[in-house]
Amino acid sequence: MSEAALRITVVAAWPHEADLHTVLLPPGATVADALAASGMGPAPGGGVAVFGVKCAATQVLRDGDRIEVLRPLQVDPKEARRKRAEARQPRRR
C-alpha cells in the first residue's frame, strides 16, 4: 500500500462480543470494499453506519473512518416504548 492508503476500522458489536478489524485500503474505497477486506462480507440486514450515521455500502471512505455494522432491530421501538410505559404505571383495579 502507498502512503496515501486509508486506515479504516470496521466494528461489529453483538450482545456478548465485538469484532474489530483495521484495514488499509486505496483512496476511493467504499464501505463495501472495507467490509470485504475485513472478512465480514456484504452489508448485513441491519445496514452499516460511518461514525454512527447510517449510510449506503457505496459511500466513499476517508482516512480514519469507523464503519459500524448494524444489527437488525429485535423489537419494534414503538412496542418497546409501550411496554416500558405500562411497566411504570401503577395497576388499576
PDB file of N, CA and C in Angstrom:
ATOM      1  N   MET A   1       0.835  -1.183   0.000  1.00  0.00           N
ATOM      2  CA  MET A   1       0.000   0.000   0.000  1.00  0.00           C
ATOM      3  C   MET A   1       0.883   1.252   0.000  1.00  0.00           C
ATOM      4  N   SER A   2       0.418   2.260  -0.669  1.00  0.00           N
ATOM      5  CA  SER A   2       1.162   3.512  -0.706  1.00  0.00           C
ATOM      6  C   SER A   2       0.906   4.296   0.575  1.00  0.00           C
ATOM      7  N   GLU A   3       1.607   5.402   0.714  1.00  0.00           N
ATOM      8  CA  GLU A   3       1.444   6.213   1.914  1.00  0.00           C
ATOM      9  C   GLU A   3       0.089   6.908   1.939  1.00  0.00           C
ATOM     10  N   ALA A   4      -0.603   6.949   0.796  1.00  0.00           N
ATOM     11  CA  ALA A   4      -1.914   7.577   0.738  1.00  0.00           C
ATOM     12  C   ALA A   4      -3.022   6.595   1.110  1.00  0.00           C
ATOM     13  N   ALA A   5      -2.642   5.412   1.594  1.00  0.00           N
ATOM     14  CA  ALA A   5      -3.644   4.399   1.931  1.00  0.00           C
ATOM     15  C   ALA A   5      -4.555   4.888   3.058  1.00  0.00           C
ATOM     16  N   LEU A   6      -5.808   4.468   3.003  1.00  0.00           N
ATOM     17  CA  LEU A   6      -6.782   4.815   4.034  1.00  0.00           C
ATOM     18  C   LEU A   6      -6.759   3.765   5.129  1.00  0.00           C
ATOM     19  N   ARG A   7      -6.707   4.206   6.364  1.00  0.00           N
ATOM     20  CA  ARG A   7      -6.775   3.293   7.510  1.00  0.00           C
ATOM     21  C   ARG A   7      -8.215   3.344   8.011  1.00  0.00           C
ATOM     22  N   ILE A   8      -8.932   2.221   7.889  1.00  0.00           N
ATOM     23  CA  ILE A   8     -10.354   2.142   8.213  1.00  0.00           C
ATOM     24  C   ILE A   8     -10.563   1.097   9.302  1.00  0.00           C
ATOM     25  N   THR A   9     -11.415   1.408  10.262  1.00  0.00           N
ATOM     26  CA  THR A   9     -11.769   0.465  11.315  1.00  0.00           C
ATOM     27  C   THR A   9     -13.187  -0.038  11.052  1.00  0.00           C
ATOM     28  N   VAL A  10     -13.360  -1.349  11.108  1.00  0.00           N
ATOM     29  CA  VAL A  10     -14.682  -1.970  10.924  1.00  0.00           C
ATOM     30  C   VAL A  10     -15.045  -2.653  12.236  1.00  0.00           C
ATOM     31  N   VAL A  11     -16.218  -2.292  12.781  1.00  0.00           N
ATOM     32  CA  VAL A  11     -16.651  -2.803  14.079  1.00  0.00           C
ATOM     33  C   VAL A  11     -18.027  -3.446  13.958  1.00  0.00           C
ATOM     34  N   ALA A  12     -18.172  -4.612  14.567  1.00  0.00           N
ATOM     35  CA  ALA A  12     -19.480  -5.263  14.706  1.00  0.00           C
ATOM     36  C   ALA A  12     -19.623  -5.651  16.162  1.00  0.00           C
ATOM     37  N   ALA A  13     -20.645  -5.124  16.829  1.00  0.00           N
ATOM     38  CA  ALA A  13     -20.864  -5.423  18.239  1.00  0.00           C
ATOM     39  C   ALA A  13     -22.092  -6.311  18.379  1.00  0.00           C
ATOM     40  N   TRP A  14     -21.936  -7.375  19.103  1.00  0.00           N
ATOM     41  CA  TRP A  14     -23.017  -8.321  19.353  1.00  0.00           C
ATOM     42  C   TRP A  14     -23.279  -8.327  20.852  1.00  0.00           C
ATOM     43  N   PRO A  15     -24.320  -8.991  21.329  1.00  0.00           N
ATOM     44  CA  PRO A  15     -24.638  -8.916  22.757  1.00  0.00           C
ATOM     45  C   PRO A  15     -23.484  -9.260  23.701  1.00  0.00           C
ATOM     46  N   HIS A  16     -22.659 -10.237  23.372  1.00  0.00           N
ATOM     47  CA  HIS A  16     -21.616 -10.640  24.317  1.00  0.00           C
ATOM     48  C   HIS A  16     -20.209 -10.596  23.731  1.00  0.00           C
ATOM     49  N   GLU A  17     -20.054  -9.999  22.579  1.00  0.00           N
ATOM     50  CA  GLU A  17     -18.725  -9.895  21.973  1.00  0.00           C
ATOM     51  C   GLU A  17     -18.706  -8.786  20.935  1.00  0.00           C
ATOM     52  N   ALA A  18     -17.515  -8.416  20.525  1.00  0.00           N
ATOM     53  CA  ALA A  18     -17.351  -7.406  19.478  1.00  0.00           C
ATOM     54  C   ALA A  18     -16.213  -7.833  18.566  1.00  0.00           C
ATOM     55  N   ASP A  19     -16.398  -7.616  17.275  1.00  0.00           N
ATOM     56  CA  ASP A  19     -15.352  -7.875  16.293  1.00  0.00           C
ATOM     57  C   ASP A  19     -14.826  -6.533  15.813  1.00  0.00           C
ATOM     58  N   LEU A  20     -13.521  -6.348  15.845  1.00  0.00           N
ATOM     59  CA  LEU A  20     -12.901  -5.107  15.408  1.00  0.00           C
ATOM     60  C   LEU A  20     -11.777  -5.454  14.448  1.00  0.00           C
ATOM     61  N   HIS A  21     -11.818  -4.853  13.269  1.00  0.00           N
ATOM     62  CA  HIS A  21     -10.786  -5.084  12.253  1.00  0.00           C
ATOM     63  C   HIS A  21     -10.307  -3.736  11.735  1.00  0.00           C
ATOM     64  N   THR A  22      -9.017  -3.600  11.558  1.00  0.00           N
ATOM     65  CA  THR A  22      -8.454  -2.416  10.920  1.00  0.00           C
ATOM     66  C   THR A  22      -7.901  -2.851   9.572  1.00  0.00           C
ATOM     67  N   VAL A  23      -8.312  -2.141   8.520  1.00  0.00           N
ATOM     68  CA  VAL A  23      -7.878  -2.490   7.169  1.00  0.00           C
ATOM     69  C   VAL A  23      -7.259  -1.273   6.498  1.00  0.00           C
ATOM     70  N   LEU A  24      -6.338  -1.527   5.584  1.00  0.00           N
ATOM     71  CA  LEU A  24      -5.740  -0.471   4.771  1.00  0.00           C
ATOM     72  C   LEU A  24      -6.285  -0.613   3.360  1.00  0.00           C
ATOM     73  N   LEU A  25      -6.813   0.485   2.831  1.00  0.00           N
ATOM     74  CA  LEU A  25      -7.442   0.468   1.512  1.00  0.00           C
ATOM     75  C   LEU A  25      -6.919   1.620   0.662  1.00  0.00           C
ATOM     76  N   PRO A  26      -7.025   1.480  -0.644  1.00  0.00           N
ATOM     77  CA  PRO A  26      -6.590   2.574  -1.518  1.00  0.00           C
ATOM     78  C   PRO A  26      -7.590   3.728  -1.482  1.00  0.00           C
ATOM     79  N   PRO A  27      -7.153   4.936  -1.827  1.00  0.00           N
ATOM     80  CA  PRO A  27      -8.089   6.070  -1.895  1.00  0.00           C
ATOM     81  C   PRO A  27      -9.237   5.749  -2.852  1.00  0.00           C
ATOM     82  N   GLY A  28     -10.422   6.231  -2.511  1.00  0.00           N
ATOM     83  CA  GLY A  28     -11.595   5.967  -3.333  1.00  0.00           C
ATOM     84  C   GLY A  28     -12.342   4.701  -2.932  1.00  0.00           C
ATOM     85  N   ALA A  29     -11.853   3.991  -1.911  1.00  0.00           N
ATOM     86  CA  ALA A  29     -12.502   2.761  -1.462  1.00  0.00           C
ATOM     87  C   ALA A  29     -13.858   3.075  -0.840  1.00  0.00           C
ATOM     88  N   THR A  30     -14.766   2.112  -0.922  1.00  0.00           N
ATOM     89  CA  THR A  30     -16.118   2.282  -0.402  1.00  0.00           C
ATOM     90  C   THR A  30     -16.320   1.443   0.856  1.00  0.00           C
ATOM     91  N   VAL A  31     -17.481   1.630   1.466  1.00  0.00           N
ATOM     92  CA  VAL A  31     -17.844   0.836   2.640  1.00  0.00           C
ATOM     93  C   VAL A  31     -17.846  -0.647   2.280  1.00  0.00           C
ATOM     94  N   ALA A  32     -18.384  -0.985   1.114  1.00  0.00           N
ATOM     95  CA  ALA A  32     -18.418  -2.386   0.676  1.00  0.00           C
ATOM     96  C   ALA A  32     -17.007  -2.951   0.553  1.00  0.00           C
ATOM     97  N   ASP A  33     -16.063  -2.157   0.056  1.00  0.00           N
ATOM     98  CA  ASP A  33     -14.667  -2.599  -0.056  1.00  0.00           C
ATOM     99  C   ASP A  33     -14.087  -2.901   1.322  1.00  0.00           C
ATOM    100  N   ALA A  34     -14.391  -2.035   2.293  1.00  0.00           N
ATOM    101  CA  ALA A  34     -13.870  -2.226   3.652  1.00  0.00           C
ATOM    102  C   ALA A  34     -14.468  -3.465   4.296  1.00  0.00           C
ATOM    103  N   LEU A  35     -15.762  -3.701   4.094  1.00  0.00           N
ATOM    104  CA  LEU A  35     -16.394  -4.896   4.649  1.00  0.00           C
ATOM    105  C   LEU A  35     -15.776  -6.158   4.062  1.00  0.00           C
ATOM    106  N   ALA A  36     -15.537  -6.145   2.763  1.00  0.00           N
ATOM    107  CA  ALA A  36     -14.929  -7.305   2.112  1.00  0.00           C
ATOM    108  C   ALA A  36     -13.505  -7.527   2.616  1.00  0.00           C
ATOM    109  N   ALA A  37     -12.736  -6.450   2.744  1.00  0.00           N
ATOM    110  CA  ALA A  37     -11.349  -6.561   3.194  1.00  0.00           C
ATOM    111  C   ALA A  37     -11.264  -7.035   4.649  1.00  0.00           C
ATOM    112  N   SER A  38     -12.282  -6.719   5.444  1.00  0.00           N
ATOM    113  CA  SER A  38     -12.273  -7.120   6.858  1.00  0.00           C
ATOM    114  C   SER A  38     -12.709  -8.570   7.041  1.00  0.00           C
ATOM    115  N   GLY A  39     -13.276  -9.169   6.005  1.00  0.00           N
ATOM    116  CA  GLY A  39     -13.753 -10.538   6.090  1.00  0.00           C
ATOM    117  C   GLY A  39     -15.183 -10.645   6.585  1.00  0.00           C
ATOM    118  N   MET A  40     -15.872  -9.521   6.741  1.00  0.00           N
ATOM    119  CA  MET A  40     -17.249  -9.545   7.229  1.00  0.00           C
ATOM    120  C   MET A  40     -18.270  -9.748   6.119  1.00  0.00           C
ATOM    121  N   GLY A  41     -17.839  -9.712   4.876  1.00  0.00           N
ATOM    122  CA  GLY A  41     -18.755  -9.958   3.775  1.00  0.00           C
ATOM    123  C   GLY A  41     -19.602  -8.748   3.446  1.00  0.00           C
ATOM    124  N   PRO A  42     -20.712  -8.958   2.723  1.00  0.00           N
ATOM    125  CA  PRO A  42     -21.569  -7.834   2.322  1.00  0.00           C
ATOM    126  C   PRO A  42     -22.297  -7.217   3.512  1.00  0.00           C
ATOM    127  N   ALA A  43     -22.862  -6.038   3.290  1.00  0.00           N
ATOM    128  CA  ALA A  43     -23.598  -5.347   4.353  1.00  0.00           C
ATOM    129  C   ALA A  43     -24.745  -6.222   4.847  1.00  0.00           C
ATOM    130  N   PRO A  44     -24.877  -6.386   6.157  1.00  0.00           N
ATOM    131  CA  PRO A  44     -25.921  -7.247   6.721  1.00  0.00           C
ATOM    132  C   PRO A  44     -27.295  -6.586   6.662  1.00  0.00           C
ATOM    133  N   GLY A  45     -28.317  -7.301   7.136  1.00  0.00           N
ATOM    134  CA  GLY A  45     -29.692  -6.817   7.107  1.00  0.00           C
ATOM    135  C   GLY A  45     -29.922  -5.527   7.864  1.00  0.00           C
ATOM    136  N   GLY A  46     -29.153  -5.272   8.915  1.00  0.00           N
ATOM    137  CA  GLY A  46     -29.328  -4.048   9.688  1.00  0.00           C
ATOM    138  C   GLY A  46     -28.692  -2.837   9.048  1.00  0.00           C
ATOM    139  N   GLY A  47     -27.790  -3.059   8.099  1.00  0.00           N
ATOM    140  CA  GLY A  47     -27.111  -1.962   7.417  1.00  0.00           C
ATOM    141  C   GLY A  47     -25.770  -1.633   8.042  1.00  0.00           C
ATOM    142  N   VAL A  48     -25.231  -0.499   7.638  1.00  0.00           N
ATOM    143  CA  VAL A  48     -23.941  -0.035   8.141  1.00  0.00           C
ATOM    144  C   VAL A  48     -24.015   1.457   8.413  1.00  0.00           C
ATOM    145  N   ALA A  49     -23.092   1.929   9.238  1.00  0.00           N
ATOM    146  CA  ALA A  49     -23.000   3.353   9.555  1.00  0.00           C
ATOM    147  C   ALA A  49     -21.532   3.744   9.595  1.00  0.00           C
ATOM    148  N   VAL A  50     -21.264   4.999   9.307  1.00  0.00           N
ATOM    149  CA  VAL A  50     -19.921   5.562   9.467  1.00  0.00           C
ATOM    150  C   VAL A  50     -20.018   6.573  10.600  1.00  0.00           C
ATOM    151  N   PHE A  51     -19.309   6.291  11.688  1.00  0.00           N
ATOM    152  CA  PHE A  51     -19.364   7.122  12.901  1.00  0.00           C
ATOM    153  C   PHE A  51     -20.806   7.340  13.351  1.00  0.00           C
ATOM    154  N   GLY A  52     -21.635   6.288  13.298  1.00  0.00           N
ATOM    155  CA  GLY A  52     -22.991   6.360  13.808  1.00  0.00           C
ATOM    156  C   GLY A  52     -24.032   6.913  12.863  1.00  0.00           C
ATOM    157  N   VAL A  53     -23.633   7.322  11.665  1.00  0.00           N
ATOM    158  CA  VAL A  53     -24.579   7.850  10.683  1.00  0.00           C
ATOM    159  C   VAL A  53     -24.794   6.788   9.614  1.00  0.00           C
ATOM    160  N   LYS A  54     -26.036   6.288   9.520  1.00  0.00           N
ATOM    161  CA  LYS A  54     -26.340   5.214   8.578  1.00  0.00           C
ATOM    162  C   LYS A  54     -26.001   5.657   7.159  1.00  0.00           C
ATOM    163  N   CYS A  55     -25.429   4.735   6.384  1.00  0.00           N
ATOM    164  CA  CYS A  55     -25.005   5.072   5.025  1.00  0.00           C
ATOM    165  C   CYS A  55     -25.178   3.863   4.116  1.00  0.00           C
ATOM    166  N   ALA A  56     -24.968   4.101   2.834  1.00  0.00           N
ATOM    167  CA  ALA A  56     -25.035   3.033   1.837  1.00  0.00           C
ATOM    168  C   ALA A  56     -23.662   2.372   1.720  1.00  0.00           C
ATOM    169  N   ALA A  57     -23.659   1.151   1.221  1.00  0.00           N
ATOM    170  CA  ALA A  57     -22.399   0.429   1.038  1.00  0.00           C
ATOM    171  C   ALA A  57     -21.534   1.072  -0.034  1.00  0.00           C
ATOM    172  N   THR A  58     -22.106   1.960  -0.830  1.00  0.00           N
ATOM    173  CA  THR A  58     -21.361   2.620  -1.911  1.00  0.00           C
ATOM    174  C   THR A  58     -20.681   3.913  -1.464  1.00  0.00           C
ATOM    175  N   GLN A  59     -20.852   4.285  -0.189  1.00  0.00           N
ATOM    176  CA  GLN A  59     -20.239   5.529   0.294  1.00  0.00           C
ATOM    177  C   GLN A  59     -18.725   5.445   0.226  1.00  0.00           C
ATOM    178  N   VAL A  60     -18.101   6.487  -0.284  1.00  0.00           N
ATOM    179  CA  VAL A  60     -16.642   6.563  -0.361  1.00  0.00           C
ATOM    180  C   VAL A  60     -16.104   6.951   1.011  1.00  0.00           C
ATOM    181  N   LEU A  61     -15.026   6.300   1.415  1.00  0.00           N
ATOM    182  CA  LEU A  61     -14.466   6.485   2.749  1.00  0.00           C
ATOM    183  C   LEU A  61     -13.343   7.510   2.780  1.00  0.00           C
ATOM    184  N   ARG A  62     -13.110   8.045   3.977  1.00  0.00           N
ATOM    185  CA  ARG A  62     -11.974   8.936   4.214  1.00  0.00           C
ATOM    186  C   ARG A  62     -11.072   8.289   5.254  1.00  0.00           C
ATOM    187  N   ASP A  63      -9.815   8.682   5.268  1.00  0.00           N
ATOM    188  CA  ASP A  63      -8.859   8.113   6.213  1.00  0.00           C
ATOM    189  C   ASP A  63      -9.358   8.287   7.647  1.00  0.00           C
ATOM    190  N   GLY A  64      -9.308   7.206   8.419  1.00  0.00           N
ATOM    191  CA  GLY A  64      -9.697   7.250   9.815  1.00  0.00           C
ATOM    192  C   GLY A  64     -11.162   6.942  10.078  1.00  0.00           C
ATOM    193  N   ASP A  65     -11.957   6.699   9.030  1.00  0.00           N
ATOM    194  CA  ASP A  65     -13.377   6.398   9.235  1.00  0.00           C
ATOM    195  C   ASP A  65     -13.545   5.105  10.029  1.00  0.00           C
ATOM    196  N   ARG A  66     -14.652   5.053  10.810  1.00  0.00           N
ATOM    197  CA  ARG A  66     -15.015   3.846  11.545  1.00  0.00           C
ATOM    198  C   ARG A  66     -16.360   3.373  11.015  1.00  0.00           C
ATOM    199  N   ILE A  67     -16.376   2.172  10.460  1.00  0.00           N
ATOM    200  CA  ILE A  67     -17.610   1.582   9.941  1.00  0.00           C
ATOM    201  C   ILE A  67     -18.199   0.712  11.031  1.00  0.00           C
ATOM    202  N   GLU A  68     -19.478   0.908  11.298  1.00  0.00           N
ATOM    203  CA  GLU A  68     -20.179   0.116  12.307  1.00  0.00           C
ATOM    204  C   GLU A  68     -21.207  -0.761  11.611  1.00  0.00           C
ATOM    205  N   VAL A  69     -21.131  -2.049  11.836  1.00  0.00           N
ATOM    206  CA  VAL A  69     -22.098  -2.990  11.280  1.00  0.00           C
ATOM    207  C   VAL A  69     -23.298  -2.989  12.211  1.00  0.00           C
ATOM    208  N   LEU A  70     -24.476  -2.681  11.669  1.00  0.00           N
ATOM    209  CA  LEU A  70     -25.678  -2.549  12.476  1.00  0.00           C
ATOM    210  C   LEU A  70     -26.482  -3.845  12.476  1.00  0.00           C
ATOM    211  N   ARG A  71     -26.993  -4.206  13.642  1.00  0.00           N
ATOM    212  CA  ARG A  71     -27.839  -5.400  13.746  1.00  0.00           C
ATOM    213  C   ARG A  71     -29.276  -5.017  13.416  1.00  0.00           C
ATOM    214  N   PRO A  72     -30.052  -5.948  12.895  1.00  0.00           N
ATOM    215  CA  PRO A  72     -31.479  -5.664  12.709  1.00  0.00           C
ATOM    216  C   PRO A  72     -32.142  -5.466  14.069  1.00  0.00           C
ATOM    217  N   LEU A  73     -33.204  -4.681  14.104  1.00  0.00           N
ATOM    218  CA  LEU A  73     -33.925  -4.464  15.361  1.00  0.00           C
ATOM    219  C   LEU A  73     -34.531  -5.769  15.843  1.00  0.00           C
ATOM    220  N   GLN A  74     -34.439  -6.013  17.145  1.00  0.00           N
ATOM    221  CA  GLN A  74     -35.020  -7.221  17.722  1.00  0.00           C
ATOM    222  C   GLN A  74     -36.457  -6.971  18.179  1.00  0.00           C
ATOM    223  N   VAL A  75     -36.770  -5.719  18.513  1.00  0.00           N
ATOM    224  CA  VAL A  75     -38.107  -5.348  18.964  1.00  0.00           C
ATOM    225  C   VAL A  75     -38.472  -4.030  18.282  1.00  0.00           C
ATOM    226  N   ASP A  76     -39.723  -3.915  17.857  1.00  0.00           N
ATOM    227  CA  ASP A  76     -40.207  -2.669  17.279  1.00  0.00           C
ATOM    228  C   ASP A  76     -40.081  -1.562  18.338  1.00  0.00           C
ATOM    229  N   PRO A  77     -39.463  -0.414  18.019  1.00  0.00           N
ATOM    230  CA  PRO A  77     -39.273   0.642  19.018  1.00  0.00           C
ATOM    231  C   PRO A  77     -40.579   1.135  19.646  1.00  0.00           C
ATOM    232  N   LYS A  78     -41.650   1.195  18.869  1.00  0.00           N
ATOM    233  CA  LYS A  78     -42.935   1.634  19.427  1.00  0.00           C
ATOM    234  C   LYS A  78     -43.453   0.632  20.459  1.00  0.00           C
ATOM    235  N   GLU A  79     -43.302  -0.636  20.159  1.00  0.00           N
ATOM    236  CA  GLU A  79     -43.753  -1.679  21.085  1.00  0.00           C
ATOM    237  C   GLU A  79     -42.917  -1.645  22.372  1.00  0.00           C
ATOM    238  N   ALA A  80     -41.616  -1.461  22.253  1.00  0.00           N
ATOM    239  CA  ALA A  80     -40.749  -1.394  23.433  1.00  0.00           C
ATOM    240  C   ALA A  80     -41.124  -0.203  24.311  1.00  0.00           C
ATOM    241  N   ARG A  81     -41.411   0.935  23.693  1.00  0.00           N
ATOM    242  CA  ARG A  81     -41.797   2.122  24.456  1.00  0.00           C
ATOM    243  C   ARG A  81     -43.132   1.893  25.172  1.00  0.00           C
ATOM    244  N   ARG A  82     -44.091   1.275  24.497  1.00  0.00           N
ATOM    245  CA  ARG A  82     -45.388   0.988  25.102  1.00  0.00           C
ATOM    246  C   ARG A  82     -45.228   0.093  26.332  1.00  0.00           C
ATOM    247  N   LYS A  83     -44.390  -0.927  26.228  1.00  0.00           N
ATOM    248  CA  LYS A  83     -44.172  -1.837  27.356  1.00  0.00           C
ATOM    249  C   LYS A  83     -43.502  -1.133  28.532  1.00  0.00           C
ATOM    250  N   ARG A  84     -42.528  -0.248  28.237  1.00  0.00           N
ATOM    251  CA  ARG A  84     -41.880   0.500  29.320  1.00  0.00           C
ATOM    252  C   ARG A  84     -42.881   1.412  30.024  1.00  0.00           C
ATOM    253  N   ALA A  85     -43.757   2.064  29.247  1.00  0.00           N
ATOM    254  CA  ALA A  85     -44.764   2.954  29.828  1.00  0.00           C
ATOM    255  C   ALA A  85     -45.738   2.165  30.695  1.00  0.00           C
ATOM    256  N   GLU A  86     -46.147   1.004  30.250  1.00  0.00           N
ATOM    257  CA  GLU A  86     -47.054   0.165  31.037  1.00  0.00           C
ATOM    258  C   GLU A  86     -46.399  -0.275  32.342  1.00  0.00           C
ATOM    259  N   ALA A  87     -45.130  -0.587  32.297  1.00  0.00           N
ATOM    260  CA  ALA A  87     -44.418  -1.047  33.488  1.00  0.00           C
ATOM    261  C   ALA A  87     -44.287   0.071  34.527  1.00  0.00           C
ATOM    262  N   ARG A  88     -44.228   1.322  34.102  1.00  0.00           N
ATOM    263  CA  ARG A  88     -44.077   2.451  35.027  1.00  0.00           C
ATOM    264  C   ARG A  88     -45.396   2.838  35.685  1.00  0.00           C
ATOM    265  N   GLN A  89     -46.517   2.557  35.049  1.00  0.00           N
ATOM    266  CA  GLN A  89     -47.808   2.974  35.584  1.00  0.00           C
ATOM    267  C   GLN A  89     -48.305   1.978  36.632  1.00  0.00           C
ATOM    268  N   PRO A  90     -48.865   2.500  37.739  1.00  0.00           N
ATOM    269  CA  PRO A  90     -49.439   1.580  38.722  1.00  0.00           C
ATOM    270  C   PRO A  90     -50.674   0.887  38.145  1.00  0.00           C
ATOM    271  N   ARG A  91     -50.888  -0.317  38.554  1.00  0.00           N
ATOM    272  CA  ARG A  91     -52.031  -1.061  38.041  1.00  0.00           C
ATOM    273  C   ARG A  91     -53.321  -0.592  38.700  1.00  0.00           C
ATOM    274  N   ARG A  92     -54.357  -0.432  37.887  1.00  0.00           N
ATOM    275  CA  ARG A  92     -55.667  -0.021  38.395  1.00  0.00           C
ATOM    276  C   ARG A  92     -56.566  -1.238  38.499  1.00  0.00           C
ATOM    277  N   ARG A  93     -57.408  -1.222  39.502  1.00  0.00           N
ATOM    278  CA  ARG A  93     -58.349  -2.347  39.658  1.00  0.00           C
ATOM    279  C   ARG A  93     -59.746  -1.855  39.591  1.00  0.00           C
TER     280      ARG A  93
END
